[in-house]
Protein backbone atom coordinates (compact mmCIF):
# COMPACT_ATOMS: atom_id res chain seq x y z
CA MET A 1 -0.67 -17.84 -22.49
CA LYS A 2 -4.11 -17.61 -21.87
CA LYS A 3 -6.19 -15.47 -23.99
CA ASP A 4 -8.60 -12.17 -22.64
CA VAL A 5 -7.81 -12.66 -19.36
CA LEU A 6 -9.39 -10.10 -17.03
CA LEU A 7 -7.07 -10.38 -13.97
CA THR A 8 -3.04 -10.13 -14.67
CA VAL A 9 -0.98 -10.69 -11.05
CA VAL A 10 1.90 -8.51 -11.37
CA ILE A 11 4.54 -9.76 -8.55
CA PRO A 12 7.69 -7.66 -8.69
CA VAL A 13 10.65 -9.74 -7.82
CA TYR A 14 14.28 -8.78 -6.18
CA ASN A 15 16.33 -11.04 -4.05
CA VAL A 16 13.01 -13.31 -2.28
CA GLU A 17 14.56 -16.77 -3.13
CA LYS A 18 13.19 -17.46 0.39
CA TYR A 19 9.72 -15.92 -0.28
CA LEU A 20 8.76 -16.24 -3.66
CA LYS A 21 7.30 -19.75 -4.05
CA ARG A 22 4.71 -19.43 -1.32
CA CYS A 23 3.44 -16.03 -2.93
CA VAL A 24 3.22 -17.49 -6.47
CA GLU A 25 1.81 -20.96 -4.95
CA SER A 26 -0.98 -18.79 -2.99
CA VAL A 27 -1.98 -17.78 -6.64
CA LEU A 28 -2.20 -20.86 -7.98
CA VAL A 29 -4.31 -22.24 -5.56
CA GLN A 30 -7.29 -19.84 -6.28
CA GLU A 31 -10.27 -21.61 -7.26
CA TRP A 32 -11.31 -18.48 -9.88
CA HIS A 33 -8.66 -18.94 -13.26
CA ASN A 34 -9.27 -15.84 -15.32
CA TYR A 35 -6.33 -14.90 -14.57
CA ASP A 36 -2.68 -15.06 -15.64
CA ILE A 37 0.64 -14.16 -13.70
CA LEU A 38 3.40 -11.34 -14.65
CA LEU A 39 6.72 -12.01 -12.65
CA VAL A 40 9.35 -8.92 -13.19
CA ASP A 41 12.62 -9.89 -11.94
CA ASP A 42 14.05 -6.76 -11.30
CA GLY A 43 17.92 -7.74 -11.38
CA SER A 44 17.73 -10.37 -8.63
CA THR A 45 21.38 -11.60 -7.82
CA ASP A 46 20.15 -14.81 -5.56
CA SER A 47 17.92 -17.86 -7.08
CA SER A 48 15.09 -15.56 -8.12
CA PRO A 49 15.47 -15.27 -11.70
CA GLN A 50 15.49 -18.86 -12.03
CA ILE A 51 12.61 -19.41 -9.79
CA CYS A 52 10.52 -17.11 -12.30
CA ASP A 53 11.96 -19.35 -15.27
CA ASP A 54 10.90 -22.72 -13.66
CA TYR A 55 7.43 -21.38 -13.08
CA ALA A 56 7.15 -20.20 -16.67
CA LYS A 57 8.16 -23.47 -17.90
CA VAL A 58 5.18 -25.14 -16.28
CA TYR A 59 2.57 -22.77 -16.58
CA ASP A 60 1.85 -21.49 -19.92
CA PHE A 61 -0.18 -18.61 -17.92
CA ILE A 62 2.98 -17.17 -16.33
CA SER A 63 5.19 -14.99 -18.27
CA VAL A 64 8.63 -13.22 -16.87
CA ILE A 65 10.41 -10.08 -17.19
CA HIS A 66 13.72 -9.74 -16.52
CA LYS A 67 15.20 -6.31 -16.32
CA LYS A 68 17.67 -4.27 -14.86
CA ASN A 69 17.47 -3.15 -10.87
CA GLU A 70 15.61 0.01 -10.64
CA GLY A 71 13.13 -0.69 -7.26
CA LEU A 72 9.65 -1.49 -6.96
CA SER A 73 7.89 1.43 -8.50
CA ALA A 74 10.10 0.77 -11.18
CA ALA A 75 8.74 -2.99 -11.64
CA ARG A 76 5.06 -2.62 -11.22
CA ASN A 77 5.19 0.43 -13.73
CA THR A 78 6.98 -2.84 -16.10
CA GLY A 79 4.10 -4.75 -15.19
CA ILE A 80 1.10 -2.45 -15.94
CA SER A 81 2.92 -1.90 -19.07
CA ASN A 82 2.75 -5.13 -20.12
CA ALA A 83 -0.03 -6.35 -18.16
CA LYS A 84 -2.87 -8.32 -20.59
CA GLY A 85 -5.72 -8.09 -17.92
CA GLU A 86 -8.17 -5.45 -17.55
CA TYR A 87 -7.56 -5.23 -13.62
CA VAL A 88 -4.14 -5.73 -11.92
CA TYR A 89 -3.12 -6.90 -8.75
CA PHE A 90 0.19 -6.25 -7.49
CA PRO A 91 0.57 -8.78 -4.33
CA ASP A 92 4.38 -8.57 -2.62
CA SER A 93 6.73 -11.73 -3.13
CA ASP A 94 7.31 -12.05 0.49
CA ASP A 95 3.54 -11.94 0.80
CA TRP A 96 0.85 -14.20 -0.10
CA ILE A 97 -3.17 -14.45 -0.34
CA GLU A 98 -5.92 -16.44 0.87
CA PRO A 99 -6.87 -19.56 -1.22
CA ASN A 100 -10.38 -18.34 -1.51
CA THR A 101 -9.60 -14.38 -2.33
CA PHE A 102 -10.47 -14.36 -5.90
CA SER A 103 -13.47 -16.84 -5.89
CA ASP A 104 -14.94 -14.66 -3.25
CA LEU A 105 -14.02 -11.54 -5.13
CA ALA A 106 -15.12 -12.85 -8.60
CA GLU A 107 -18.54 -11.99 -9.05
CA VAL A 108 -17.23 -7.86 -7.93
CA ILE A 109 -14.33 -8.09 -10.44
CA GLU A 110 -16.56 -10.08 -12.92
CA SER A 111 -19.72 -7.59 -12.54
CA ASP A 112 -16.94 -4.50 -14.19
CA GLN A 113 -18.58 -2.15 -12.49
CA TYR A 114 -15.45 -1.09 -10.61
CA ASP A 115 -12.66 0.73 -11.15
CA ILE A 116 -11.03 -0.62 -7.66
CA ILE A 117 -11.55 -3.29 -5.56
CA SER A 118 -10.31 -2.94 -2.01
CA PHE A 119 -10.26 -5.80 0.88
CA ASN A 120 -8.38 -5.78 4.15
CA ARG A 121 -4.94 -7.58 5.15
CA GLU A 122 -3.23 -9.31 8.29
CA PHE A 123 0.02 -8.46 9.63
CA VAL A 124 1.47 -11.73 10.36
CA LYS A 125 5.04 -13.28 11.60
CA SER A 126 4.77 -16.49 10.10
CA GLU A 127 2.59 -18.60 7.19
CA TYR A 128 1.31 -20.56 10.32
CA ASP A 129 -0.37 -17.10 11.85
CA ILE A 130 -4.17 -17.41 10.79
CA ILE A 131 -6.40 -14.65 9.94
CA LYS A 132 -9.54 -13.66 11.02
CA SER A 133 -11.91 -11.41 9.75
CA ASP A 134 -14.70 -9.67 11.19
CA SER A 135 -18.52 -9.94 10.37
CA LYS A 136 -18.25 -9.59 6.75
CA ARG A 137 -19.51 -6.40 5.43
CA THR A 138 -19.06 -4.44 2.16
CA LYS A 139 -19.12 -0.77 0.73
CA ARG A 140 -19.89 0.41 -2.55
CA LEU A 141 -18.24 4.31 -2.88
CA THR A 142 -17.46 6.87 -5.34
CA GLY A 143 -13.48 7.36 -6.03
CA LYS A 144 -13.70 10.18 -3.89
CA GLU A 145 -15.85 8.22 -0.76
CA ALA A 146 -13.14 5.94 -0.87
CA LEU A 147 -10.38 8.62 -0.35
CA ILE A 148 -12.32 10.18 2.26
CA ASP A 149 -12.65 6.22 3.94
CA MET A 150 -8.52 6.51 3.60
CA PHE A 151 -8.51 9.66 5.04
CA SER A 152 -10.96 8.24 8.52
CA TYR A 153 -9.21 4.56 8.63
CA GLY A 154 -12.27 3.29 7.42
CA PHE A 155 -11.77 -0.32 5.14
CA VAL A 156 -9.66 1.50 2.43
CA THR A 157 -6.16 1.64 3.68
CA SER A 158 -3.03 3.23 1.70
CA PHE A 159 -1.63 0.11 0.30
CA PRO A 160 -1.66 -1.10 -3.15
CA ASN A 161 -1.44 -4.96 -2.25
CA ASP A 162 -4.94 -5.11 -0.67
CA LYS A 163 -6.53 -3.56 -4.22
CA ILE A 164 -7.30 -4.89 -7.43
CA TYR A 165 -7.22 -2.19 -10.01
CA ARG A 166 -8.76 -1.23 -13.52
CA LYS A 167 -5.53 -0.99 -15.12
CA ALA A 168 -6.88 1.94 -17.77
CA LEU A 169 -6.69 3.94 -14.24
CA PHE A 170 -3.55 4.02 -14.31
CA THR A 171 -2.82 4.19 -18.45
CA LYS A 172 -5.38 6.48 -19.36
CA ASN A 173 -4.31 9.14 -16.36
CA THR A 174 -0.28 8.81 -16.95
CA ILE A 175 -0.47 7.28 -13.58
CA GLN A 176 2.71 5.34 -12.30
CA PHE A 177 3.88 4.41 -9.43
CA PRO A 178 6.77 7.29 -8.48
CA VAL A 179 10.44 5.56 -9.55
CA GLY A 180 13.17 5.78 -6.76
CA LYS A 181 10.90 6.62 -4.17
CA TYR A 182 9.72 4.84 -0.98
CA TYR A 183 6.37 4.81 0.01
CA GLU A 184 5.22 4.93 -2.91
CA ASP A 185 1.75 3.54 -2.57
CA LEU A 186 1.13 6.54 -0.53
CA GLY A 187 2.29 8.85 -3.09
CA THR A 188 -0.04 6.93 -5.99
CA ASN A 189 -3.46 5.84 -4.37
CA TYR A 190 -4.74 9.12 -3.61
CA LYS A 191 -4.28 9.83 -7.44
CA LEU A 192 -6.08 6.52 -8.28
CA PHE A 193 -9.42 7.35 -6.07
CA LEU A 194 -9.44 10.47 -7.79
CA ALA A 195 -9.37 9.24 -10.93
CA ALA A 196 -12.36 6.07 -10.20
CA LYS A 197 -15.64 6.38 -10.80
CA ASN A 198 -16.52 3.33 -8.17
CA VAL A 199 -15.04 1.67 -5.70
CA PHE A 200 -15.85 -1.38 -3.78
CA ALA A 201 -14.55 -2.16 -0.18
CA THR A 202 -14.72 -4.90 2.12
CA ASN A 203 -13.36 -5.81 5.41
CA GLN A 204 -12.79 -9.43 4.76
CA LYS A 205 -8.97 -9.99 5.34
CA TYR A 206 -7.37 -12.01 2.36
CA TYR A 207 -3.84 -10.70 2.39
CA HIS A 208 -1.00 -11.87 4.63
CA TYR A 209 1.88 -9.40 5.24
CA LEU A 210 4.98 -10.21 6.35
CA ILE A 211 6.37 -7.79 8.87
CA ASP A 212 9.27 -10.21 9.74
CA ASN A 213 11.33 -10.12 6.74
CA PRO A 214 14.68 -8.08 7.75
CA ASP A 215 14.97 -6.90 3.81
CA SER A 216 11.32 -5.07 4.51
CA ILE A 217 11.76 -1.21 3.97
CA THR A 218 9.57 -1.65 7.45
CA GLN A 219 12.34 -2.75 9.13
CA SER A 220 14.49 0.31 9.16
CA TRP A 221 14.49 4.16 8.77
CA ASN A 222 16.91 6.21 6.77
CA GLU A 223 16.93 10.12 5.68
CA GLN A 224 15.31 9.19 2.25
CA LYS A 225 12.54 7.18 4.03
CA PHE A 226 11.78 9.77 6.08
CA SER A 227 12.04 12.78 3.37
CA ASN A 228 9.78 10.53 0.88
CA ILE A 229 6.97 9.48 3.28
CA PHE A 230 7.02 13.68 4.47
CA GLU A 231 6.83 14.78 0.92
CA PHE A 232 4.08 12.44 0.10
CA TYR A 233 1.95 13.15 3.24
CA LYS A 234 2.32 17.09 1.91
CA ASP A 235 1.39 16.57 -1.51
CA ILE A 236 -1.86 14.78 -0.50
CA PHE A 237 -2.80 17.07 1.96
CA TYR A 238 -1.62 20.36 -0.14
CA SER A 239 -1.97 19.08 -3.72
CA ASP A 240 -4.53 21.48 -5.39
CA PHE A 241 -5.52 17.97 -7.24
CA VAL A 242 -6.89 16.89 -4.37
CA ARG A 243 -8.35 20.40 -2.33
CA SER A 244 -10.25 21.59 -5.47
CA ARG A 245 -12.19 18.44 -4.74
CA LEU A 246 -13.03 18.50 -1.50
CA ASN A 247 -15.76 20.57 0.61
CA GLN A 248 -15.08 22.15 4.13
CA GLU A 249 -15.95 19.29 6.18
CA GLU A 250 -13.54 16.55 3.52
CA LEU A 251 -10.83 19.16 4.01
CA GLN A 252 -10.90 19.15 7.43
CA ILE A 253 -10.63 15.26 7.61
CA SER A 254 -7.99 15.62 5.36
CA GLN A 255 -6.31 17.76 7.71
CA LEU A 256 -6.72 14.84 10.66
CA TYR A 257 -5.18 12.50 8.27
CA TYR A 258 -2.01 14.79 7.72
CA VAL A 259 -1.63 15.43 11.21
CA ASN A 260 -1.83 11.66 12.33
CA GLY A 261 0.93 11.12 9.37
CA LEU A 262 3.18 13.78 10.96
CA THR A 263 2.56 12.53 14.25
CA HIS A 264 3.91 8.81 13.18
CA ILE A 265 6.91 10.60 11.35
CA LEU A 266 8.20 12.63 14.43
CA ALA A 267 7.70 9.57 16.41
CA SER A 268 9.60 6.99 14.47
CA LEU A 269 12.43 10.20 14.46
CA TYR A 270 12.50 10.09 17.52
CA LYS A 271 12.10 6.36 18.34
CA SER A 272 15.23 5.65 15.96
CA LYS A 273 16.92 8.13 17.82
CA LEU A 274 17.47 9.89 14.55
CA ASP A 275 16.22 13.18 14.91
CA LYS A 276 19.62 14.89 15.87
CA GLU A 277 20.71 13.30 12.55
CA TYR A 278 18.21 14.69 10.58
CA ILE A 279 17.41 17.96 12.10
CA ASP A 280 16.23 19.87 9.00
CA ILE A 281 13.28 16.58 8.66
CA THR A 282 12.47 16.61 12.33
CA ASN A 283 12.12 20.79 12.64
CA GLU A 284 10.06 20.84 9.11
CA VAL A 285 7.68 17.84 10.76
CA LYS A 286 7.18 19.88 13.71
CA GLN A 287 6.59 23.26 12.26
CA GLU A 288 3.95 21.47 10.10
CA LEU A 289 2.08 20.03 12.92
CA LEU A 290 2.15 23.55 14.85
CA LYS A 291 1.02 24.86 11.70
CA ASN A 292 -1.98 22.44 11.45
CA SER A 293 -2.83 21.97 14.90
CA VAL A 294 -5.84 20.32 15.58
CA SER A 295 -7.92 19.62 18.90
CA LEU A 296 -7.60 16.47 20.96
CA SER A 297 -11.09 15.99 20.63
CA GLN A 298 -10.71 15.86 16.79
CA ILE A 299 -7.84 13.12 17.19
CA LYS A 300 -9.35 11.01 19.49
CA ASP A 301 -10.16 8.51 16.54
CA GLN A 302 -6.87 8.54 14.91
CA PRO A 303 -4.47 5.83 15.33
CA ASN A 304 -1.34 7.94 16.47
CA LYS A 305 -3.67 9.88 18.80
CA LEU A 306 -1.78 9.49 22.08
CA LYS A 307 1.74 10.55 20.54
CA TYR A 308 0.05 13.28 19.22
CA ILE A 309 -1.26 14.36 23.11
CA LEU A 310 2.22 14.16 24.13
CA PHE A 311 3.57 16.24 21.43
CA ARG A 312 1.16 18.79 22.48
CA LEU A 313 2.06 18.41 26.00
CA LYS A 314 5.87 18.75 25.03
CA ILE A 315 7.12 15.23 26.17
CA LEU A 316 6.93 13.00 23.51
CA LYS A 317 10.37 12.41 23.01
CA PRO A 318 10.85 11.72 26.28
CA ALA A 319 7.96 9.45 26.35
CA PHE A 320 9.99 7.09 24.09
CA SER A 321 12.05 6.08 27.37
CA ILE A 322 8.48 4.57 28.64
CA GLN A 323 7.99 2.10 25.78
CA SER A 324 5.45 0.30 27.21
CA ILE A 325 2.93 3.28 26.53
CA LEU A 326 4.02 3.70 22.95
C-alpha cells in the first residue's frame, strides 16, 4: 500500500458487475499517481465482490472493504473513515472519469490551499459519447461563495462525484452522508460548503455520468425519493445553519433555488402520474410554492423557469400531455 497518499478514491460498489471495471480502469490510467483506491463493497450479491478482490490482488494501492448492505451513504461514510489520503473523491461505480482528470488538477490538489476542488460533468448514454468542455474558466471562492454559485447554477453543482474534498471537512465538522436517504448529496454538500474556507471551481468536464443505467435512482420515483428530496430542499432553505450565514441578497438567491427545486419535484410528480397517490407531498409542495412565490422576471435564469410559469398559470399538470414543451 502506498504511504502518505494525497488522495483516496472511494468507490462504493453494489451489484455493478457490468460497470465496475470501466470505473476502476478510468482511475488506473491517470498520469498523476499520488492516490490510492478504496473499494467499498456494500453487500453486493453479484460478481462485484470478486472483481474488487481481484483488483486488490494485482495492485497494492487498491484495498477492499466488504460490508453488509446499508446503502450509498453508509458506503461513502465507511470510505471516509478508512481513507488514508488528505483528500477523498467519490466516483460512482457505474460512471468514469477522463484520463487527464488528476493530472489537470494536480497543481491545485498539491497546493493544499483548497478544501473542495469542483469540476464539471457530462450526462452520457454510453462510453462512446465524447465530452467536450467550453473554453477553460476557473474560480477561486470562499465556501459561502461556492454555495451561492450552486444556488445560482454556476460552475458548482450539488453532486458529490464532481468534487474532491478535504477529508477533514467531514471528520472535523462531524458531517456524514445521511444513511438511508435518497439524494444524500443534496443533504450534504451545503454543509460542506459552509464548513470550507477555500474552494477551487472549474468548468472543465472530467466526469462521465451514465444516465442509461436502469438501476440508477434517477430512473424511477417512489414516495421515499419524493419525501427525501423535498426534505433536503426545505432543510437548505429554512435551516438557521444556512440562513444565519447569508445576507438579504443571498437569501433571495436561496429562495430562487428553493422554488426551482420545488418546481422540479412537482413536475416530476405530475410527469410520473404519482401526484394522486402521493397527495400529501403534492399538496405540501404546492403550498410551499405559493408561500414562496417569486416574480417571473426573477425566475428567468432558473432551469425550471418554463415549468414554474406553467404552475403560476395553473396549467402545469395538463401541460404534461404535451411533452414537447417540457
